[in-house]
Amino acid sequence: MNGIAHPTPAQAAGGAAEEKAAEFLQARGLAIVTRNYRTKAGEIDLIVRDGATLVFVEVRMRSGSSFGGALASITPRKRRRIIMAARQYLMRLDRVPPCRFDVVAVDSGDCEWMRGAFDAS
């Protein structure tokens, strides 16, 4: 064993979906601030700037909408974890900008962008 960790097929597919989503958002003028922001509370796939707005992006890889689609796949527990991680990120900043939570669903290489998919309330 050489100590090199190899991603599982699911991890590799998730990484590819996040890369596709990042490219999609950049092509629409958003700037990537950070990727895979992790805290004990949770993880945020992408943090981007949309003008003056800081956007916390959850990337979902879906192969259809049989179970309600990408947005429905984000459980209340998952939303709470994303919101807690976002709050921790914001505590690091000198000034809190306007923020929102978006979802980018990647399906067979196509992206669907849901702006303001959920809020922190």
PDB file of N, CA and C in Angstrom:
ATOM      1  N   MET A   1       0.844  -1.179   0.000  1.00  0.00           N
ATOM      2  CA  MET A   1       0.000   0.000   0.000  1.00  0.00           C
ATOM      3  C   MET A   1       0.889   1.242   0.000  1.00  0.00           C
ATOM      4  N   ASN A   2       0.576   2.187  -0.851  1.00  0.00           N
ATOM      5  CA  ASN A   2       1.435   3.356  -1.018  1.00  0.00           C
ATOM      6  C   ASN A   2       0.959   4.597  -0.267  1.00  0.00           C
ATOM      7  N   GLY A   3      -0.131   4.513   0.499  1.00  0.00           N
ATOM      8  CA  GLY A   3      -0.594   5.649   1.283  1.00  0.00           C
ATOM      9  C   GLY A   3      -1.401   6.666   0.500  1.00  0.00           C
ATOM     10  N   ILE A   4      -1.604   6.451  -0.785  1.00  0.00           N
ATOM     11  CA  ILE A   4      -2.390   7.371  -1.604  1.00  0.00           C
ATOM     12  C   ILE A   4      -3.848   6.933  -1.532  1.00  0.00           C
ATOM     13  N   ALA A   5      -4.703   7.831  -1.088  1.00  0.00           N
ATOM     14  CA  ALA A   5      -6.122   7.530  -1.000  1.00  0.00           C
ATOM     15  C   ALA A   5      -6.753   7.709  -2.377  1.00  0.00           C
ATOM     16  N   HIS A   6      -7.478   6.702  -2.789  1.00  0.00           N
ATOM     17  CA  HIS A   6      -8.181   6.771  -4.072  1.00  0.00           C
ATOM     18  C   HIS A   6      -9.655   7.013  -3.790  1.00  0.00           C
ATOM     19  N   PRO A   7     -10.239   7.979  -4.483  1.00  0.00           N
ATOM     20  CA  PRO A   7     -11.651   8.251  -4.237  1.00  0.00           C
ATOM     21  C   PRO A   7     -12.518   7.085  -4.702  1.00  0.00           C
ATOM     22  N   THR A   8     -13.628   6.913  -4.006  1.00  0.00           N
ATOM     23  CA  THR A   8     -14.607   5.922  -4.441  1.00  0.00           C
ATOM     24  C   THR A   8     -15.248   6.439  -5.729  1.00  0.00           C
ATOM     25  N   PRO A   9     -15.914   5.572  -6.472  1.00  0.00           N
ATOM     26  CA  PRO A   9     -16.610   6.063  -7.675  1.00  0.00           C
ATOM     27  C   PRO A   9     -17.609   7.182  -7.355  1.00  0.00           C
ATOM     28  N   ALA A  10     -18.300   7.079  -6.214  1.00  0.00           N
ATOM     29  CA  ALA A  10     -19.264   8.125  -5.839  1.00  0.00           C
ATOM     30  C   ALA A  10     -18.543   9.440  -5.538  1.00  0.00           C
ATOM     31  N   GLN A  11     -17.397   9.365  -4.848  1.00  0.00           N
ATOM     32  CA  GLN A  11     -16.635  10.579  -4.556  1.00  0.00           C
ATOM     33  C   GLN A  11     -16.109  11.215  -5.840  1.00  0.00           C
ATOM     34  N   ALA A  12     -15.630  10.389  -6.755  1.00  0.00           N
ATOM     35  CA  ALA A  12     -15.120  10.908  -8.031  1.00  0.00           C
ATOM     36  C   ALA A  12     -16.250  11.579  -8.820  1.00  0.00           C
ATOM     37  N   ALA A  13     -17.427  10.956  -8.835  1.00  0.00           N
ATOM     38  CA  ALA A  13     -18.567  11.533  -9.553  1.00  0.00           C
ATOM     39  C   ALA A  13     -18.995  12.844  -8.894  1.00  0.00           C
ATOM     40  N   GLY A  14     -18.988  12.878  -7.556  1.00  0.00           N
ATOM     41  CA  GLY A  14     -19.351  14.104  -6.837  1.00  0.00           C
ATOM     42  C   GLY A  14     -18.370  15.226  -7.117  1.00  0.00           C
ATOM     43  N   GLY A  15     -17.080  14.890  -7.152  1.00  0.00           N
ATOM     44  CA  GLY A  15     -16.061  15.893  -7.467  1.00  0.00           C
ATOM     45  C   GLY A  15     -16.224  16.436  -8.868  1.00  0.00           C
ATOM     46  N   ALA A  16     -16.551  15.553  -9.812  1.00  0.00           N
ATOM     47  CA  ALA A  16     -16.770  15.983 -11.197  1.00  0.00           C
ATOM     48  C   ALA A  16     -18.001  16.890 -11.284  1.00  0.00           C
ATOM     49  N   ALA A  17     -19.053  16.569 -10.520  1.00  0.00           N
ATOM     50  CA  ALA A  17     -20.265  17.389 -10.521  1.00  0.00           C
ATOM     51  C   ALA A  17     -19.967  18.775  -9.944  1.00  0.00           C
ATOM     52  N   GLU A  18     -19.161  18.828  -8.869  1.00  0.00           N
ATOM     53  CA  GLU A  18     -18.796  20.122  -8.285  1.00  0.00           C
ATOM     54  C   GLU A  18     -17.970  20.950  -9.259  1.00  0.00           C
ATOM     55  N   GLU A  19     -17.072  20.312  -9.972  1.00  0.00           N
ATOM     56  CA  GLU A  19     -16.265  21.025 -10.977  1.00  0.00           C
ATOM     57  C   GLU A  19     -17.160  21.569 -12.089  1.00  0.00           C
ATOM     58  N   LYS A  20     -18.100  20.757 -12.551  1.00  0.00           N
ATOM     59  CA  LYS A  20     -19.037  21.178 -13.598  1.00  0.00           C
ATOM     60  C   LYS A  20     -19.869  22.368 -13.115  1.00  0.00           C
ATOM     61  N   ALA A  21     -20.344  22.294 -11.865  1.00  0.00           N
ATOM     62  CA  ALA A  21     -21.144  23.387 -11.305  1.00  0.00           C
ATOM     63  C   ALA A  21     -20.313  24.664 -11.185  1.00  0.00           C
ATOM     64  N   ALA A  22     -19.054  24.536 -10.753  1.00  0.00           N
ATOM     65  CA  ALA A  22     -18.176  25.706 -10.635  1.00  0.00           C
ATOM     66  C   ALA A  22     -17.966  26.352 -12.002  1.00  0.00           C
ATOM     67  N   GLU A  23     -17.707  25.556 -13.015  1.00  0.00           N
ATOM     68  CA  GLU A  23     -17.524  26.088 -14.373  1.00  0.00           C
ATOM     69  C   GLU A  23     -18.803  26.773 -14.862  1.00  0.00           C
ATOM     70  N   PHE A  24     -19.935  26.155 -14.581  1.00  0.00           N
ATOM     71  CA  PHE A  24     -21.236  26.693 -14.975  1.00  0.00           C
ATOM     72  C   PHE A  24     -21.453  28.078 -14.354  1.00  0.00           C
ATOM     73  N   LEU A  25     -21.181  28.192 -13.054  1.00  0.00           N
ATOM     74  CA  LEU A  25     -21.385  29.470 -12.361  1.00  0.00           C
ATOM     75  C   LEU A  25     -20.385  30.527 -12.824  1.00  0.00           C
ATOM     76  N   GLN A  26     -19.134  30.130 -13.030  1.00  0.00           N
ATOM     77  CA  GLN A  26     -18.125  31.075 -13.518  1.00  0.00           C
ATOM     78  C   GLN A  26     -18.503  31.599 -14.898  1.00  0.00           C
ATOM     79  N   ALA A  27     -19.045  30.745 -15.739  1.00  0.00           N
ATOM     80  CA  ALA A  27     -19.450  31.165 -17.084  1.00  0.00           C
ATOM     81  C   ALA A  27     -20.579  32.194 -17.027  1.00  0.00           C
ATOM     82  N   ARG A  28     -21.276  32.252 -15.887  1.00  0.00           N
ATOM     83  CA  ARG A  28     -22.360  33.209 -15.702  1.00  0.00           C
ATOM     84  C   ARG A  28     -21.930  34.410 -14.872  1.00  0.00           C
ATOM     85  N   GLY A  29     -20.617  34.572 -14.705  1.00  0.00           N
ATOM     86  CA  GLY A  29     -20.078  35.763 -14.074  1.00  0.00           C
ATOM     87  C   GLY A  29     -19.861  35.688 -12.574  1.00  0.00           C
ATOM     88  N   LEU A  30     -20.111  34.553 -11.956  1.00  0.00           N
ATOM     89  CA  LEU A  30     -19.874  34.419 -10.528  1.00  0.00           C
ATOM     90  C   LEU A  30     -18.413  34.057 -10.295  1.00  0.00           C
ATOM     91  N   ALA A  31     -17.879  34.494  -9.161  1.00  0.00           N
ATOM     92  CA  ALA A  31     -16.469  34.232  -8.836  1.00  0.00           C
ATOM     93  C   ALA A  31     -16.391  33.217  -7.701  1.00  0.00           C
ATOM     94  N   ILE A  32     -15.574  32.201  -7.897  1.00  0.00           N
ATOM     95  CA  ILE A  32     -15.387  31.178  -6.867  1.00  0.00           C
ATOM     96  C   ILE A  32     -14.556  31.781  -5.731  1.00  0.00           C
ATOM     97  N   VAL A  33     -15.060  31.685  -4.512  1.00  0.00           N
ATOM     98  CA  VAL A  33     -14.341  32.151  -3.327  1.00  0.00           C
ATOM     99  C   VAL A  33     -13.608  30.969  -2.696  1.00  0.00           C
ATOM    100  N   THR A  34     -14.325  29.870  -2.501  1.00  0.00           N
ATOM    101  CA  THR A  34     -13.710  28.662  -1.955  1.00  0.00           C
ATOM    102  C   THR A  34     -14.544  27.442  -2.319  1.00  0.00           C
ATOM    103  N   ARG A  35     -13.898  26.302  -2.262  1.00  0.00           N
ATOM    104  CA  ARG A  35     -14.568  25.023  -2.541  1.00  0.00           C
ATOM    105  C   ARG A  35     -14.449  24.130  -1.318  1.00  0.00           C
ATOM    106  N   ASN A  36     -15.454  23.329  -1.104  1.00  0.00           N
ATOM    107  CA  ASN A  36     -15.468  22.327  -0.038  1.00  0.00           C
ATOM    108  C   ASN A  36     -15.079  22.905   1.315  1.00  0.00           C
ATOM    109  N   TYR A  37     -15.785  23.940   1.731  1.00  0.00           N
ATOM    110  CA  TYR A  37     -15.551  24.538   3.040  1.00  0.00           C
ATOM    111  C   TYR A  37     -16.131  23.588   4.083  1.00  0.00           C
ATOM    112  N   ARG A  38     -15.260  23.081   4.953  1.00  0.00           N
ATOM    113  CA  ARG A  38     -15.676  22.086   5.943  1.00  0.00           C
ATOM    114  C   ARG A  38     -15.545  22.619   7.365  1.00  0.00           C
ATOM    115  N   THR A  39     -16.545  22.310   8.169  1.00  0.00           N
ATOM    116  CA  THR A  39     -16.512  22.580   9.598  1.00  0.00           C
ATOM    117  C   THR A  39     -17.054  21.326  10.287  1.00  0.00           C
ATOM    118  N   LYS A  40     -17.009  21.325  11.612  1.00  0.00           N
ATOM    119  CA  LYS A  40     -17.616  20.207  12.342  1.00  0.00           C
ATOM    120  C   LYS A  40     -19.119  20.179  12.117  1.00  0.00           C
ATOM    121  N   ALA A  41     -19.689  21.347  11.845  1.00  0.00           N
ATOM    122  CA  ALA A  41     -21.135  21.450  11.641  1.00  0.00           C
ATOM    123  C   ALA A  41     -21.579  20.874  10.301  1.00  0.00           C
ATOM    124  N   GLY A  42     -20.755  21.042   9.274  1.00  0.00           N
ATOM    125  CA  GLY A  42     -21.147  20.585   7.944  1.00  0.00           C
ATOM    126  C   GLY A  42     -20.192  21.084   6.884  1.00  0.00           C
ATOM    127  N   GLU A  43     -20.578  20.888   5.639  1.00  0.00           N
ATOM    128  CA  GLU A  43     -19.741  21.272   4.505  1.00  0.00           C
ATOM    129  C   GLU A  43     -20.552  22.074   3.508  1.00  0.00           C
ATOM    130  N   ILE A  44     -19.875  23.034   2.888  1.00  0.00           N
ATOM    131  CA  ILE A  44     -20.475  23.806   1.807  1.00  0.00           C
ATOM    132  C   ILE A  44     -19.653  23.498   0.562  1.00  0.00           C
ATOM    133  N   ASP A  45     -20.327  23.039  -0.493  1.00  0.00           N
ATOM    134  CA  ASP A  45     -19.621  22.624  -1.709  1.00  0.00           C
ATOM    135  C   ASP A  45     -18.874  23.784  -2.344  1.00  0.00           C
ATOM    136  N   LEU A  46     -19.575  24.893  -2.576  1.00  0.00           N
ATOM    137  CA  LEU A  46     -18.967  26.064  -3.205  1.00  0.00           C
ATOM    138  C   LEU A  46     -19.436  27.322  -2.494  1.00  0.00           C
ATOM    139  N   ILE A  47     -18.512  28.259  -2.319  1.00  0.00           N
ATOM    140  CA  ILE A  47     -18.875  29.594  -1.867  1.00  0.00           C
ATOM    141  C   ILE A  47     -18.430  30.519  -2.987  1.00  0.00           C
ATOM    142  N   VAL A  48     -19.380  31.297  -3.511  1.00  0.00           N
ATOM    143  CA  VAL A  48     -19.104  32.140  -4.669  1.00  0.00           C
ATOM    144  C   VAL A  48     -19.620  33.552  -4.411  1.00  0.00           C
ATOM    145  N   ARG A  49     -19.155  34.486  -5.227  1.00  0.00           N
ATOM    146  CA  ARG A  49     -19.644  35.872  -5.193  1.00  0.00           C
ATOM    147  C   ARG A  49     -20.472  36.119  -6.441  1.00  0.00           C
ATOM    148  N   ASP A  50     -21.647  36.659  -6.220  1.00  0.00           N
ATOM    149  CA  ASP A  50     -22.522  37.095  -7.302  1.00  0.00           C
ATOM    150  C   ASP A  50     -22.695  38.594  -7.086  1.00  0.00           C
ATOM    151  N   GLY A  51     -21.781  39.369  -7.668  1.00  0.00           N
ATOM    152  CA  GLY A  51     -21.741  40.803  -7.383  1.00  0.00           C
ATOM    153  C   GLY A  51     -21.350  40.985  -5.929  1.00  0.00           C
ATOM    154  N   ALA A  52     -22.174  41.714  -5.170  1.00  0.00           N
ATOM    155  CA  ALA A  52     -21.889  41.952  -3.756  1.00  0.00           C
ATOM    156  C   ALA A  52     -22.418  40.828  -2.855  1.00  0.00           C
ATOM    157  N   THR A  53     -23.149  39.888  -3.432  1.00  0.00           N
ATOM    158  CA  THR A  53     -23.781  38.820  -2.655  1.00  0.00           C
ATOM    159  C   THR A  53     -22.865  37.608  -2.529  1.00  0.00           C
ATOM    160  N   LEU A  54     -22.756  37.098  -1.323  1.00  0.00           N
ATOM    161  CA  LEU A  54     -22.017  35.866  -1.068  1.00  0.00           C
ATOM    162  C   LEU A  54     -23.021  34.725  -1.157  1.00  0.00           C
ATOM    163  N   VAL A  55     -22.697  33.739  -1.974  1.00  0.00           N
ATOM    164  CA  VAL A  55     -23.634  32.654  -2.244  1.00  0.00           C
ATOM    165  C   VAL A  55     -23.035  31.327  -1.777  1.00  0.00           C
ATOM    166  N   PHE A  56     -23.800  30.620  -0.957  1.00  0.00           N
ATOM    167  CA  PHE A  56     -23.417  29.289  -0.491  1.00  0.00           C
ATOM    168  C   PHE A  56     -24.147  28.289  -1.389  1.00  0.00           C
ATOM    169  N   VAL A  57     -23.363  27.469  -2.096  1.00  0.00           N
ATOM    170  CA  VAL A  57     -23.933  26.607  -3.128  1.00  0.00           C
ATOM    171  C   VAL A  57     -23.814  25.136  -2.735  1.00  0.00           C
ATOM    172  N   GLU A  58     -24.938  24.456  -2.773  1.00  0.00           N
ATOM    173  CA  GLU A  58     -24.975  23.004  -2.601  1.00  0.00           C
ATOM    174  C   GLU A  58     -25.086  22.404  -3.997  1.00  0.00           C
ATOM    175  N   VAL A  59     -24.189  21.491  -4.311  1.00  0.00           N
ATOM    176  CA  VAL A  59     -24.207  20.827  -5.616  1.00  0.00           C
ATOM    177  C   VAL A  59     -24.812  19.445  -5.422  1.00  0.00           C
ATOM    178  N   ARG A  60     -25.800  19.144  -6.237  1.00  0.00           N
ATOM    179  CA  ARG A  60     -26.447  17.834  -6.171  1.00  0.00           C
ATOM    180  C   ARG A  60     -26.323  17.166  -7.518  1.00  0.00           C
ATOM    181  N   MET A  61     -25.899  15.925  -7.503  1.00  0.00           N
ATOM    182  CA  MET A  61     -25.830  15.141  -8.733  1.00  0.00           C
ATOM    183  C   MET A  61     -27.067  14.255  -8.746  1.00  0.00           C
ATOM    184  N   ARG A  62     -27.879  14.429  -9.760  1.00  0.00           N
ATOM    185  CA  ARG A  62     -29.131  13.675  -9.847  1.00  0.00           C
ATOM    186  C   ARG A  62     -29.228  12.995 -11.196  1.00  0.00           C
ATOM    187  N   SER A  63     -29.833  11.842 -11.167  1.00  0.00           N
ATOM    188  CA  SER A  63     -30.040  11.131 -12.431  1.00  0.00           C
ATOM    189  C   SER A  63     -31.514  11.094 -12.782  1.00  0.00           C
ATOM    190  N   GLY A  64     -32.232  12.108 -12.362  1.00  0.00           N
ATOM    191  CA  GLY A  64     -33.651  12.182 -12.668  1.00  0.00           C
ATOM    192  C   GLY A  64     -34.400  12.806 -11.505  1.00  0.00           C
ATOM    193  N   SER A  65     -35.707  12.937 -11.671  1.00  0.00           N
ATOM    194  CA  SER A  65     -36.501  13.570 -10.628  1.00  0.00           C
ATOM    195  C   SER A  65     -37.468  12.594  -9.984  1.00  0.00           C
ATOM    196  N   SER A  66     -37.171  11.285 -10.059  1.00  0.00           N
ATOM    197  CA  SER A  66     -38.087  10.291  -9.520  1.00  0.00           C
ATOM    198  C   SER A  66     -38.391  10.471  -8.045  1.00  0.00           C
ATOM    199  N   PHE A  67     -37.461  11.031  -7.290  1.00  0.00           N
ATOM    200  CA  PHE A  67     -37.678  11.209  -5.861  1.00  0.00           C
ATOM    201  C   PHE A  67     -37.780  12.679  -5.505  1.00  0.00           C
ATOM    202  N   GLY A  68     -38.273  13.504  -6.426  1.00  0.00           N
ATOM    203  CA  GLY A  68     -38.507  14.905  -6.145  1.00  0.00           C
ATOM    204  C   GLY A  68     -37.424  15.842  -6.647  1.00  0.00           C
ATOM    205  N   GLY A  69     -36.402  15.324  -7.258  1.00  0.00           N
ATOM    206  CA  GLY A  69     -35.373  16.178  -7.820  1.00  0.00           C
ATOM    207  C   GLY A  69     -34.349  16.622  -6.792  1.00  0.00           C
ATOM    208  N   ALA A  70     -33.446  17.485  -7.247  1.00  0.00           N
ATOM    209  CA  ALA A  70     -32.293  17.905  -6.443  1.00  0.00           C
ATOM    210  C   ALA A  70     -32.695  18.653  -5.183  1.00  0.00           C
ATOM    211  N   LEU A  71     -33.627  19.581  -5.301  1.00  0.00           N
ATOM    212  CA  LEU A  71     -34.012  20.375  -4.141  1.00  0.00           C
ATOM    213  C   LEU A  71     -34.646  19.496  -3.067  1.00  0.00           C
ATOM    214  N   ALA A  72     -35.489  18.580  -3.479  1.00  0.00           N
ATOM    215  CA  ALA A  72     -36.134  17.680  -2.522  1.00  0.00           C
ATOM    216  C   ALA A  72     -35.125  16.761  -1.845  1.00  0.00           C
ATOM    217  N   SER A  73     -33.976  16.552  -2.475  1.00  0.00           N
ATOM    218  CA  SER A  73     -32.967  15.667  -1.894  1.00  0.00           C
ATOM    219  C   SER A  73     -32.190  16.331  -0.759  1.00  0.00           C
ATOM    220  N   ILE A  74     -32.401  17.637  -0.561  1.00  0.00           N
ATOM    221  CA  ILE A  74     -31.726  18.341   0.530  1.00  0.00           C
ATOM    222  C   ILE A  74     -32.682  18.344   1.718  1.00  0.00           C
ATOM    223  N   THR A  75     -32.434  17.443   2.629  1.00  0.00           N
ATOM    224  CA  THR A  75     -33.303  17.254   3.785  1.00  0.00           C
ATOM    225  C   THR A  75     -33.210  18.452   4.730  1.00  0.00           C
ATOM    226  N   PRO A  76     -34.188  18.600   5.615  1.00  0.00           N
ATOM    227  CA  PRO A  76     -34.089  19.674   6.615  1.00  0.00           C
ATOM    228  C   PRO A  76     -32.792  19.571   7.437  1.00  0.00           C
ATOM    229  N   ARG A  77     -32.366  18.370   7.757  1.00  0.00           N
ATOM    230  CA  ARG A  77     -31.117  18.184   8.507  1.00  0.00           C
ATOM    231  C   ARG A  77     -29.924  18.695   7.701  1.00  0.00           C
ATOM    232  N   LYS A  78     -29.891  18.373   6.399  1.00  0.00           N
ATOM    233  CA  LYS A  78     -28.801  18.823   5.531  1.00  0.00           C
ATOM    234  C   LYS A  78     -28.813  20.352   5.434  1.00  0.00           C
ATOM    235  N   ARG A  79     -29.990  20.937   5.296  1.00  0.00           N
ATOM    236  CA  ARG A  79     -30.093  22.409   5.243  1.00  0.00           C
ATOM    237  C   ARG A  79     -29.536  23.031   6.517  1.00  0.00           C
ATOM    238  N   ARG A  80     -29.912  22.475   7.678  1.00  0.00           N
ATOM    239  CA  ARG A  80     -29.407  23.004   8.952  1.00  0.00           C
ATOM    240  C   ARG A  80     -27.891  22.940   8.998  1.00  0.00           C
ATOM    241  N   ARG A  81     -27.302  21.853   8.523  1.00  0.00           N
ATOM    242  CA  ARG A  81     -25.847  21.706   8.537  1.00  0.00           C
ATOM    243  C   ARG A  81     -25.179  22.725   7.618  1.00  0.00           C
ATOM    244  N   ILE A  82     -25.764  22.963   6.446  1.00  0.00           N
ATOM    245  CA  ILE A  82     -25.226  23.962   5.514  1.00  0.00           C
ATOM    246  C   ILE A  82     -25.320  25.351   6.136  1.00  0.00           C
ATOM    247  N   ILE A  83     -26.457  25.650   6.749  1.00  0.00           N
ATOM    248  CA  ILE A  83     -26.663  26.961   7.370  1.00  0.00           C
ATOM    249  C   ILE A  83     -25.677  27.163   8.525  1.00  0.00           C
ATOM    250  N   MET A  84     -25.467  26.133   9.346  1.00  0.00           N
ATOM    251  CA  MET A  84     -24.505  26.260  10.457  1.00  0.00           C
ATOM    252  C   MET A  84     -23.088  26.485   9.927  1.00  0.00           C
ATOM    253  N   ALA A  85     -22.717  25.770   8.875  1.00  0.00           N
ATOM    254  CA  ALA A  85     -21.388  25.961   8.283  1.00  0.00           C
ATOM    255  C   ALA A  85     -21.264  27.370   7.710  1.00  0.00           C
ATOM    256  N   ALA A  86     -22.330  27.864   7.069  1.00  0.00           N
ATOM    257  CA  ALA A  86     -22.316  29.224   6.508  1.00  0.00           C
ATOM    258  C   ALA A  86     -22.156  30.259   7.622  1.00  0.00           C
ATOM    259  N   ARG A  87     -22.846  30.060   8.722  1.00  0.00           N
ATOM    260  CA  ARG A  87     -22.717  31.003   9.850  1.00  0.00           C
ATOM    261  C   ARG A  87     -21.284  31.016  10.379  1.00  0.00           C
ATOM    262  N   GLN A  88     -20.676  29.838  10.465  1.00  0.00           N
ATOM    263  CA  GLN A  88     -19.282  29.777  10.922  1.00  0.00           C
ATOM    264  C   GLN A  88     -18.364  30.509   9.949  1.00  0.00           C
ATOM    265  N   TYR A  89     -18.613  30.340   8.653  1.00  0.00           N
ATOM    266  CA  TYR A  89     -17.807  31.040   7.645  1.00  0.00           C
ATOM    267  C   TYR A  89     -17.968  32.553   7.804  1.00  0.00           C
ATOM    268  N   LEU A  90     -19.200  33.008   7.988  1.00  0.00           N
ATOM    269  CA  LEU A  90     -19.471  34.441   8.086  1.00  0.00           C
ATOM    270  C   LEU A  90     -18.839  35.060   9.333  1.00  0.00           C
ATOM    271  N   MET A  91     -18.677  34.290  10.390  1.00  0.00           N
ATOM    272  CA  MET A  91     -18.059  34.814  11.611  1.00  0.00           C
ATOM    273  C   MET A  91     -16.600  35.202  11.378  1.00  0.00           C
ATOM    274  N   ARG A  92     -15.981  34.658  10.342  1.00  0.00           N
ATOM    275  CA  ARG A  92     -14.588  34.956  10.019  1.00  0.00           C
ATOM    276  C   ARG A  92     -14.431  36.298   9.305  1.00  0.00           C
ATOM    277  N   LEU A  93     -15.522  36.835   8.794  1.00  0.00           N
ATOM    278  CA  LEU A  93     -15.462  38.054   7.983  1.00  0.00           C
ATOM    279  C   LEU A  93     -15.592  39.306   8.841  1.00  0.00           C
ATOM    280  N   ASP A  94     -14.976  40.384   8.384  1.00  0.00           N
ATOM    281  CA  ASP A  94     -15.086  41.670   9.080  1.00  0.00           C
ATOM    282  C   ASP A  94     -16.489  42.256   8.943  1.00  0.00           C
ATOM    283  N   ARG A  95     -17.058  42.064   7.766  1.00  0.00           N
ATOM    284  CA  ARG A  95     -18.388  42.615   7.452  1.00  0.00           C
ATOM    285  C   ARG A  95     -19.187  41.531   6.745  1.00  0.00           C
ATOM    286  N   VAL A  96     -20.412  41.321   7.197  1.00  0.00           N
ATOM    287  CA  VAL A  96     -21.259  40.280   6.598  1.00  0.00           C
ATOM    288  C   VAL A  96     -21.992  40.865   5.396  1.00  0.00           C
ATOM    289  N   PRO A  97     -21.741  40.306   4.205  1.00  0.00           N
ATOM    290  CA  PRO A  97     -22.413  40.805   2.996  1.00  0.00           C
ATOM    291  C   PRO A  97     -23.809  40.191   2.876  1.00  0.00           C
ATOM    292  N   PRO A  98     -24.599  40.672   1.920  1.00  0.00           N
ATOM    293  CA  PRO A  98     -25.853  39.978   1.627  1.00  0.00           C
ATOM    294  C   PRO A  98     -25.507  38.542   1.227  1.00  0.00           C
ATOM    295  N   CYS A  99     -26.345  37.594   1.630  1.00  0.00           N
ATOM    296  CA  CYS A  99     -26.068  36.176   1.357  1.00  0.00           C
ATOM    297  C   CYS A  99     -27.316  35.481   0.825  1.00  0.00           C
ATOM    298  N   ARG A 100     -27.071  34.360   0.150  1.00  0.00           N
ATOM    299  CA  ARG A 100     -28.184  33.491  -0.233  1.00  0.00           C
ATOM    300  C   ARG A 100     -27.663  32.058  -0.373  1.00  0.00           C
ATOM    301  N   PHE A 101     -28.614  31.130  -0.428  1.00  0.00           N
ATOM    302  CA  PHE A 101     -28.303  29.718  -0.576  1.00  0.00           C
ATOM    303  C   PHE A 101     -28.868  29.227  -1.902  1.00  0.00           C
ATOM    304  N   ASP A 102     -27.992  28.758  -2.769  1.00  0.00           N
ATOM    305  CA  ASP A 102     -28.388  28.242  -4.069  1.00  0.00           C
ATOM    306  C   ASP A 102     -28.120  26.748  -4.146  1.00  0.00           C
ATOM    307  N   VAL A 103     -28.762  26.123  -5.101  1.00  0.00           N
ATOM    308  CA  VAL A 103     -28.505  24.718  -5.415  1.00  0.00           C
ATOM    309  C   VAL A 103     -28.222  24.634  -6.907  1.00  0.00           C
ATOM    310  N   VAL A 104     -27.189  23.882  -7.254  1.00  0.00           N
ATOM    311  CA  VAL A 104     -26.940  23.564  -8.661  1.00  0.00           C
ATOM    312  C   VAL A 104     -27.076  22.052  -8.785  1.00  0.00           C
ATOM    313  N   ALA A 105     -28.051  21.633  -9.592  1.00  0.00           N
ATOM    314  CA  ALA A 105     -28.263  20.212  -9.844  1.00  0.00           C
ATOM    315  C   ALA A 105     -27.564  19.851 -11.142  1.00  0.00           C
ATOM    316  N   VAL A 106     -26.723  18.839 -11.085  1.00  0.00           N
ATOM    317  CA  VAL A 106     -25.998  18.383 -12.266  1.00  0.00           C
ATOM    318  C   VAL A 106     -26.594  17.044 -12.654  1.00  0.00           C
ATOM    319  N   ASP A 107     -27.098  16.975 -13.874  1.00  0.00           N
ATOM    320  CA  ASP A 107     -27.750  15.767 -14.379  1.00  0.00           C
ATOM    321  C   ASP A 107     -27.223  15.490 -15.778  1.00  0.00           C
ATOM    322  N   SER A 108     -26.469  14.420 -15.919  1.00  0.00           N
ATOM    323  CA  SER A 108     -25.887  14.036 -17.216  1.00  0.00           C
ATOM    324  C   SER A 108     -25.110  15.191 -17.846  1.00  0.00           C
ATOM    325  N   GLY A 109     -24.392  15.953 -17.033  1.00  0.00           N
ATOM    326  CA  GLY A 109     -23.569  17.036 -17.550  1.00  0.00           C
ATOM    327  C   GLY A 109     -24.299  18.359 -17.693  1.00  0.00           C
ATOM    328  N   ASP A 110     -25.623  18.353 -17.580  1.00  0.00           N
ATOM    329  CA  ASP A 110     -26.406  19.592 -17.647  1.00  0.00           C
ATOM    330  C   ASP A 110     -26.598  20.134 -16.240  1.00  0.00           C
ATOM    331  N   CYS A 111     -26.608  21.458 -16.121  1.00  0.00           N
ATOM    332  CA  CYS A 111     -26.772  22.093 -14.811  1.00  0.00           C
ATOM    333  C   CYS A 111     -28.091  22.849 -14.756  1.00  0.00           C
ATOM    334  N   GLU A 112     -28.752  22.710 -13.623  1.00  0.00           N
ATOM    335  CA  GLU A 112     -29.949  23.493 -13.333  1.00  0.00           C
ATOM    336  C   GLU A 112     -29.642  24.296 -12.076  1.00  0.00           C
ATOM    337  N   TRP A 113     -29.769  25.612 -12.170  1.00  0.00           N
ATOM    338  CA  TRP A 113     -29.391  26.519 -11.090  1.00  0.00           C
ATOM    339  C   TRP A 113     -30.640  27.036 -10.410  1.00  0.00           C
ATOM    340  N   MET A 114     -30.764  26.767  -9.119  1.00  0.00           N
ATOM    341  CA  MET A 114     -31.893  27.233  -8.335  1.00  0.00           C
ATOM    342  C   MET A 114     -31.395  28.312  -7.370  1.00  0.00           C
ATOM    343  N   ARG A 115     -31.598  29.571  -7.754  1.00  0.00           N
ATOM    344  CA  ARG A 115     -31.178  30.696  -6.905  1.00  0.00           C
ATOM    345  C   ARG A 115     -32.134  30.815  -5.721  1.00  0.00           C
ATOM    346  N   GLY A 116     -31.568  31.112  -4.568  1.00  0.00           N
ATOM    347  CA  GLY A 116     -32.407  31.281  -3.381  1.00  0.00           C
ATOM    348  C   GLY A 116     -33.230  30.050  -3.083  1.00  0.00           C
ATOM    349  N   ALA A 117     -32.612  28.882  -3.236  1.00  0.00           N
ATOM    350  CA  ALA A 117     -33.313  27.617  -3.077  1.00  0.00           C
ATOM    351  C   ALA A 117     -33.896  27.433  -1.671  1.00  0.00           C
ATOM    352  N   PHE A 118     -33.204  27.970  -0.678  1.00  0.00           N
ATOM    353  CA  PHE A 118     -33.716  27.958   0.696  1.00  0.00           C
ATOM    354  C   PHE A 118     -33.088  29.114   1.437  1.00  0.00           C
ATOM    355  N   ASP A 119     -33.610  29.410   2.627  1.00  0.00           N
ATOM    356  CA  ASP A 119     -33.041  30.509   3.397  1.00  0.00           C
ATOM    357  C   ASP A 119     -32.670  30.017   4.794  1.00  0.00           C
ATOM    358  N   ALA A 120     -32.052  30.905   5.559  1.00  0.00           N
ATOM    359  CA  ALA A 120     -31.499  30.522   6.848  1.00  0.00           C
ATOM    360  C   ALA A 120     -32.528  30.561   7.977  1.00  0.00           C
ATOM    361  N   SER A 121     -33.774  30.813   7.660  1.00  0.00           N
ATOM    362  CA  SER A 121     -34.769  30.876   8.737  1.00  0.00           C
ATOM    363  C   SER A 121     -35.269  29.512   9.139  1.00  0.00           C
TER     364      SER A 121
END
